[in-house]
Amino acid sequence: MIFSRLKSGVDVTDDDFDTIYSSQVKKISEFHFTPVEVAKTAAQFLVNRPSTKLLYELYNQHMKAQLSKMPIGTRLATYFSYAHEVPSHFKVQSTGFDGKLKLWEKIT
């Protein structure tokens, strides 16, 4: 429901958006997530023609391409990330904080 409201241009407050989260996450959302108004302002700036789309997948593709260019031995730390965001050239060397922190190294 929140996402359809955002797509249609209906005002959504941070509290409205936070309804998708558990009560634990709601308590910390103000410190860990971008406010809705900030995200909307940034998106309006970045979209310079009607057909432009801001896709998370495009960011991932760009990041993976840049990481793939790095030399063997390059280290990377990710927190709360998915493995598909990191090129297959990188292997997890260590994890911490209940698996949320992953320490990677490019091996090929």
N, C-alpha and C. Protein backbone atom coordinates (compact mmCIF):
# COMPACT_ATOMS: atom_id res chain seq x y z
N MET A 1 0.83 -1.19 0.00
CA MET A 1 0.00 0.00 0.00
C MET A 1 0.87 1.26 0.00
N ILE A 2 1.91 1.28 0.85
CA ILE A 2 2.79 2.45 0.92
C ILE A 2 3.44 2.72 -0.43
N PHE A 3 3.89 1.66 -1.09
CA PHE A 3 4.60 1.84 -2.35
C PHE A 3 3.67 2.35 -3.45
N SER A 4 2.43 1.91 -3.44
CA SER A 4 1.47 2.42 -4.43
C SER A 4 1.16 3.89 -4.15
N ARG A 5 1.12 4.26 -2.88
CA ARG A 5 0.90 5.68 -2.53
C ARG A 5 2.08 6.52 -3.01
N LEU A 6 3.29 6.02 -2.81
CA LEU A 6 4.47 6.76 -3.27
C LEU A 6 4.47 6.91 -4.78
N LYS A 7 4.17 5.84 -5.49
CA LYS A 7 4.15 5.88 -6.96
C LYS A 7 3.10 6.84 -7.50
N SER A 8 1.98 6.94 -6.79
CA SER A 8 0.90 7.82 -7.27
C SER A 8 1.11 9.27 -6.86
N GLY A 9 2.13 9.55 -6.07
CA GLY A 9 2.42 10.92 -5.69
C GLY A 9 1.72 11.39 -4.42
N VAL A 10 1.01 10.49 -3.75
CA VAL A 10 0.34 10.84 -2.50
C VAL A 10 1.40 11.06 -1.43
N ASP A 11 1.21 12.10 -0.61
CA ASP A 11 2.17 12.36 0.46
C ASP A 11 2.25 11.19 1.42
N VAL A 12 3.46 10.81 1.75
CA VAL A 12 3.71 9.73 2.71
C VAL A 12 4.70 10.26 3.73
N THR A 13 4.36 10.16 4.99
CA THR A 13 5.26 10.60 6.05
C THR A 13 6.22 9.45 6.40
N ASP A 14 7.26 9.78 7.14
CA ASP A 14 8.17 8.73 7.61
C ASP A 14 7.43 7.72 8.47
N ASP A 15 6.53 8.20 9.30
CA ASP A 15 5.74 7.28 10.14
C ASP A 15 4.87 6.36 9.30
N ASP A 16 4.28 6.91 8.23
CA ASP A 16 3.50 6.08 7.31
C ASP A 16 4.39 4.99 6.72
N PHE A 17 5.55 5.40 6.24
CA PHE A 17 6.46 4.45 5.61
C PHE A 17 6.91 3.38 6.59
N ASP A 18 7.15 3.78 7.81
CA ASP A 18 7.66 2.85 8.82
C ASP A 18 6.66 1.76 9.21
N THR A 19 5.41 1.86 8.74
CA THR A 19 4.44 0.81 9.06
C THR A 19 4.83 -0.53 8.46
N ILE A 20 5.74 -0.53 7.50
CA ILE A 20 6.17 -1.81 6.90
C ILE A 20 7.16 -2.54 7.80
N TYR A 21 7.67 -1.86 8.83
CA TYR A 21 8.70 -2.44 9.69
C TYR A 21 8.14 -2.95 11.02
N SER A 22 8.93 -3.81 11.64
CA SER A 22 8.59 -4.28 12.99
C SER A 22 8.78 -3.13 13.98
N SER A 23 8.26 -3.30 15.18
CA SER A 23 8.37 -2.22 16.18
C SER A 23 9.83 -1.95 16.54
N GLN A 24 10.66 -2.98 16.53
CA GLN A 24 12.09 -2.78 16.82
C GLN A 24 12.75 -1.89 15.78
N VAL A 25 12.45 -2.14 14.52
CA VAL A 25 13.05 -1.35 13.44
C VAL A 25 12.49 0.07 13.46
N LYS A 26 11.21 0.21 13.75
CA LYS A 26 10.61 1.54 13.81
C LYS A 26 11.35 2.44 14.80
N LYS A 27 11.80 1.88 15.91
CA LYS A 27 12.49 2.66 16.94
C LYS A 27 13.78 3.28 16.42
N ILE A 28 14.44 2.63 15.50
CA ILE A 28 15.74 3.12 15.02
C ILE A 28 15.69 3.69 13.61
N SER A 29 14.53 3.66 12.97
CA SER A 29 14.44 4.07 11.57
C SER A 29 14.90 5.50 11.35
N GLU A 30 14.62 6.37 12.29
CA GLU A 30 15.00 7.78 12.16
C GLU A 30 16.51 7.95 12.02
N PHE A 31 17.28 7.03 12.58
CA PHE A 31 18.74 7.13 12.56
C PHE A 31 19.37 6.34 11.42
N HIS A 32 18.64 5.38 10.86
CA HIS A 32 19.24 4.47 9.89
C HIS A 32 18.67 4.56 8.48
N PHE A 33 17.58 5.28 8.29
CA PHE A 33 16.95 5.34 6.98
C PHE A 33 16.80 6.77 6.52
N THR A 34 16.86 6.96 5.23
CA THR A 34 16.68 8.28 4.64
C THR A 34 15.22 8.71 4.78
N PRO A 35 14.98 9.92 5.26
CA PRO A 35 13.60 10.40 5.36
C PRO A 35 12.93 10.42 3.98
N VAL A 36 11.64 10.17 3.95
CA VAL A 36 10.88 10.11 2.70
C VAL A 36 11.05 11.40 1.91
N GLU A 37 10.94 12.53 2.55
CA GLU A 37 11.05 13.81 1.83
C GLU A 37 12.43 13.99 1.21
N VAL A 38 13.46 13.54 1.89
CA VAL A 38 14.82 13.62 1.33
C VAL A 38 14.93 12.74 0.09
N ALA A 39 14.42 11.52 0.20
CA ALA A 39 14.47 10.59 -0.94
C ALA A 39 13.69 11.13 -2.13
N LYS A 40 12.52 11.71 -1.87
CA LYS A 40 11.71 12.28 -2.95
C LYS A 40 12.42 13.46 -3.61
N THR A 41 13.03 14.32 -2.81
CA THR A 41 13.75 15.48 -3.35
C THR A 41 14.92 15.02 -4.21
N ALA A 42 15.68 14.04 -3.74
CA ALA A 42 16.80 13.51 -4.51
C ALA A 42 16.32 12.88 -5.81
N ALA A 43 15.24 12.13 -5.74
CA ALA A 43 14.70 11.46 -6.93
C ALA A 43 14.23 12.50 -7.96
N GLN A 44 13.58 13.55 -7.50
CA GLN A 44 13.11 14.59 -8.42
C GLN A 44 14.29 15.26 -9.12
N PHE A 45 15.39 15.44 -8.41
CA PHE A 45 16.58 16.02 -9.02
C PHE A 45 17.20 15.07 -10.04
N LEU A 46 17.27 13.79 -9.70
CA LEU A 46 17.95 12.82 -10.54
C LEU A 46 17.16 12.45 -11.79
N VAL A 47 15.85 12.55 -11.73
CA VAL A 47 15.02 12.22 -12.89
C VAL A 47 14.85 13.49 -13.72
N ASN A 48 15.56 13.53 -14.85
CA ASN A 48 15.52 14.75 -15.65
C ASN A 48 14.66 14.64 -16.90
N ARG A 49 14.01 13.50 -17.10
CA ARG A 49 13.04 13.33 -18.19
C ARG A 49 12.05 12.25 -17.77
N PRO A 50 10.84 12.28 -18.31
CA PRO A 50 9.78 11.38 -17.84
C PRO A 50 10.12 9.89 -17.90
N SER A 51 10.93 9.46 -18.84
CA SER A 51 11.21 8.02 -18.98
C SER A 51 12.32 7.54 -18.05
N THR A 52 12.97 8.47 -17.34
CA THR A 52 14.06 8.09 -16.44
C THR A 52 13.52 7.33 -15.25
N LYS A 53 14.19 6.26 -14.89
CA LYS A 53 13.79 5.48 -13.73
C LYS A 53 14.99 5.33 -12.81
N LEU A 54 14.74 5.45 -11.53
CA LEU A 54 15.78 5.24 -10.54
C LEU A 54 15.64 3.80 -10.05
N LEU A 55 16.56 2.94 -10.48
CA LEU A 55 16.46 1.53 -10.11
C LEU A 55 17.64 1.12 -9.27
N TYR A 56 17.34 0.47 -8.18
CA TYR A 56 18.37 -0.08 -7.31
C TYR A 56 19.26 -1.04 -8.09
N GLU A 57 18.67 -1.77 -9.01
CA GLU A 57 19.44 -2.74 -9.79
C GLU A 57 20.50 -2.05 -10.65
N LEU A 58 20.20 -0.88 -11.17
CA LEU A 58 21.19 -0.14 -11.96
C LEU A 58 22.38 0.23 -11.09
N TYR A 59 22.11 0.65 -9.86
CA TYR A 59 23.19 0.96 -8.93
C TYR A 59 24.04 -0.28 -8.69
N ASN A 60 23.38 -1.42 -8.45
CA ASN A 60 24.12 -2.66 -8.20
C ASN A 60 24.98 -3.04 -9.39
N GLN A 61 24.44 -2.90 -10.59
CA GLN A 61 25.21 -3.23 -11.79
C GLN A 61 26.44 -2.34 -11.91
N HIS A 62 26.27 -1.06 -11.65
CA HIS A 62 27.40 -0.12 -11.71
C HIS A 62 28.44 -0.48 -10.65
N MET A 63 27.98 -0.72 -9.44
CA MET A 63 28.90 -1.06 -8.35
C MET A 63 29.67 -2.34 -8.68
N LYS A 64 28.97 -3.36 -9.16
CA LYS A 64 29.62 -4.62 -9.50
C LYS A 64 30.66 -4.43 -10.60
N ALA A 65 30.33 -3.62 -11.59
CA ALA A 65 31.27 -3.35 -12.69
C ALA A 65 32.53 -2.67 -12.16
N GLN A 66 32.35 -1.71 -11.26
CA GLN A 66 33.51 -1.02 -10.69
C GLN A 66 34.35 -1.95 -9.83
N LEU A 67 33.69 -2.75 -9.01
CA LEU A 67 34.42 -3.70 -8.16
C LEU A 67 35.15 -4.75 -8.99
N SER A 68 34.57 -5.14 -10.10
CA SER A 68 35.21 -6.14 -10.97
C SER A 68 36.52 -5.64 -11.56
N LYS A 69 36.64 -4.33 -11.69
CA LYS A 69 37.86 -3.73 -12.25
C LYS A 69 38.99 -3.65 -11.22
N MET A 70 38.67 -3.86 -9.97
CA MET A 70 39.67 -3.72 -8.90
C MET A 70 40.65 -4.88 -8.95
N PRO A 71 41.88 -4.66 -8.47
CA PRO A 71 42.89 -5.72 -8.51
C PRO A 71 42.62 -6.83 -7.48
N ILE A 72 43.17 -8.00 -7.76
CA ILE A 72 43.10 -9.11 -6.79
C ILE A 72 43.68 -8.62 -5.47
N GLY A 73 43.05 -9.00 -4.39
CA GLY A 73 43.48 -8.56 -3.06
C GLY A 73 42.67 -7.39 -2.52
N THR A 74 41.84 -6.79 -3.39
CA THR A 74 40.98 -5.69 -2.95
C THR A 74 40.05 -6.21 -1.86
N ARG A 75 39.90 -5.43 -0.81
CA ARG A 75 39.02 -5.82 0.30
C ARG A 75 37.76 -4.96 0.28
N LEU A 76 36.69 -5.56 0.76
CA LEU A 76 35.39 -4.91 0.76
C LEU A 76 34.67 -5.31 2.04
N ALA A 77 34.04 -4.36 2.67
CA ALA A 77 33.21 -4.64 3.84
C ALA A 77 31.78 -4.23 3.52
N THR A 78 30.82 -5.13 3.75
CA THR A 78 29.42 -4.81 3.53
C THR A 78 28.65 -5.06 4.82
N TYR A 79 27.63 -4.29 5.02
CA TYR A 79 26.79 -4.44 6.20
C TYR A 79 25.35 -4.40 5.75
N PHE A 80 24.59 -5.41 6.14
CA PHE A 80 23.19 -5.54 5.74
C PHE A 80 23.06 -5.55 4.22
N SER A 81 23.94 -6.26 3.54
CA SER A 81 23.89 -6.37 2.09
C SER A 81 23.59 -7.80 1.69
N TYR A 82 23.17 -7.94 0.46
CA TYR A 82 22.91 -9.25 -0.10
C TYR A 82 24.12 -9.69 -0.91
N ALA A 83 24.38 -10.97 -0.95
CA ALA A 83 25.55 -11.49 -1.67
C ALA A 83 25.48 -11.17 -3.16
N HIS A 84 24.29 -11.07 -3.74
CA HIS A 84 24.20 -10.81 -5.19
C HIS A 84 24.69 -9.42 -5.57
N GLU A 85 24.95 -8.58 -4.59
CA GLU A 85 25.45 -7.23 -4.86
C GLU A 85 26.96 -7.22 -5.08
N VAL A 86 27.61 -8.32 -4.76
CA VAL A 86 29.07 -8.38 -4.82
C VAL A 86 29.47 -9.34 -5.95
N PRO A 87 30.43 -8.93 -6.80
CA PRO A 87 30.86 -9.80 -7.90
C PRO A 87 31.38 -11.15 -7.40
N SER A 88 31.25 -12.16 -8.24
CA SER A 88 31.67 -13.51 -7.86
C SER A 88 33.18 -13.62 -7.67
N HIS A 89 33.94 -12.62 -8.11
CA HIS A 89 35.39 -12.61 -7.90
C HIS A 89 35.75 -12.44 -6.43
N PHE A 90 34.80 -11.96 -5.65
CA PHE A 90 35.03 -11.72 -4.23
C PHE A 90 34.51 -12.91 -3.41
N LYS A 91 35.26 -13.26 -2.39
CA LYS A 91 34.85 -14.34 -1.48
C LYS A 91 34.83 -13.79 -0.05
N VAL A 92 33.84 -14.22 0.72
CA VAL A 92 33.73 -13.80 2.11
C VAL A 92 34.89 -14.43 2.89
N GLN A 93 35.63 -13.60 3.58
CA GLN A 93 36.74 -14.06 4.39
C GLN A 93 36.34 -14.21 5.86
N SER A 94 35.35 -13.40 6.26
CA SER A 94 34.92 -13.42 7.65
C SER A 94 33.56 -12.73 7.75
N THR A 95 32.82 -13.08 8.80
CA THR A 95 31.55 -12.41 9.06
C THR A 95 31.49 -12.03 10.54
N GLY A 96 30.61 -11.12 10.86
CA GLY A 96 30.43 -10.72 12.24
C GLY A 96 29.05 -10.12 12.44
N PHE A 97 28.75 -9.83 13.67
CA PHE A 97 27.48 -9.20 14.02
C PHE A 97 26.30 -9.98 13.44
N ASP A 98 26.24 -11.24 13.83
CA ASP A 98 25.17 -12.14 13.39
C ASP A 98 25.09 -12.27 11.88
N GLY A 99 26.23 -12.22 11.21
CA GLY A 99 26.27 -12.37 9.77
C GLY A 99 25.94 -11.12 8.99
N LYS A 100 25.64 -10.03 9.67
CA LYS A 100 25.29 -8.79 8.98
C LYS A 100 26.51 -8.13 8.35
N LEU A 101 27.66 -8.22 9.03
CA LEU A 101 28.90 -7.68 8.50
C LEU A 101 29.61 -8.80 7.74
N LYS A 102 29.95 -8.52 6.49
CA LYS A 102 30.71 -9.48 5.69
C LYS A 102 31.98 -8.81 5.22
N LEU A 103 33.10 -9.49 5.40
CA LEU A 103 34.40 -8.99 4.99
C LEU A 103 34.86 -9.83 3.80
N TRP A 104 35.01 -9.19 2.67
CA TRP A 104 35.28 -9.85 1.40
C TRP A 104 36.70 -9.54 0.92
N GLU A 105 37.21 -10.41 0.06
CA GLU A 105 38.46 -10.14 -0.63
C GLU A 105 38.35 -10.67 -2.05
N LYS A 106 38.87 -9.88 -2.98
CA LYS A 106 38.84 -10.31 -4.38
C LYS A 106 39.95 -11.34 -4.58
N ILE A 107 39.57 -12.53 -5.04
CA ILE A 107 40.56 -13.61 -5.15
C ILE A 107 40.85 -14.02 -6.59
N THR A 108 40.01 -13.60 -7.53
CA THR A 108 40.29 -13.91 -8.95
C THR A 108 40.03 -12.70 -9.80
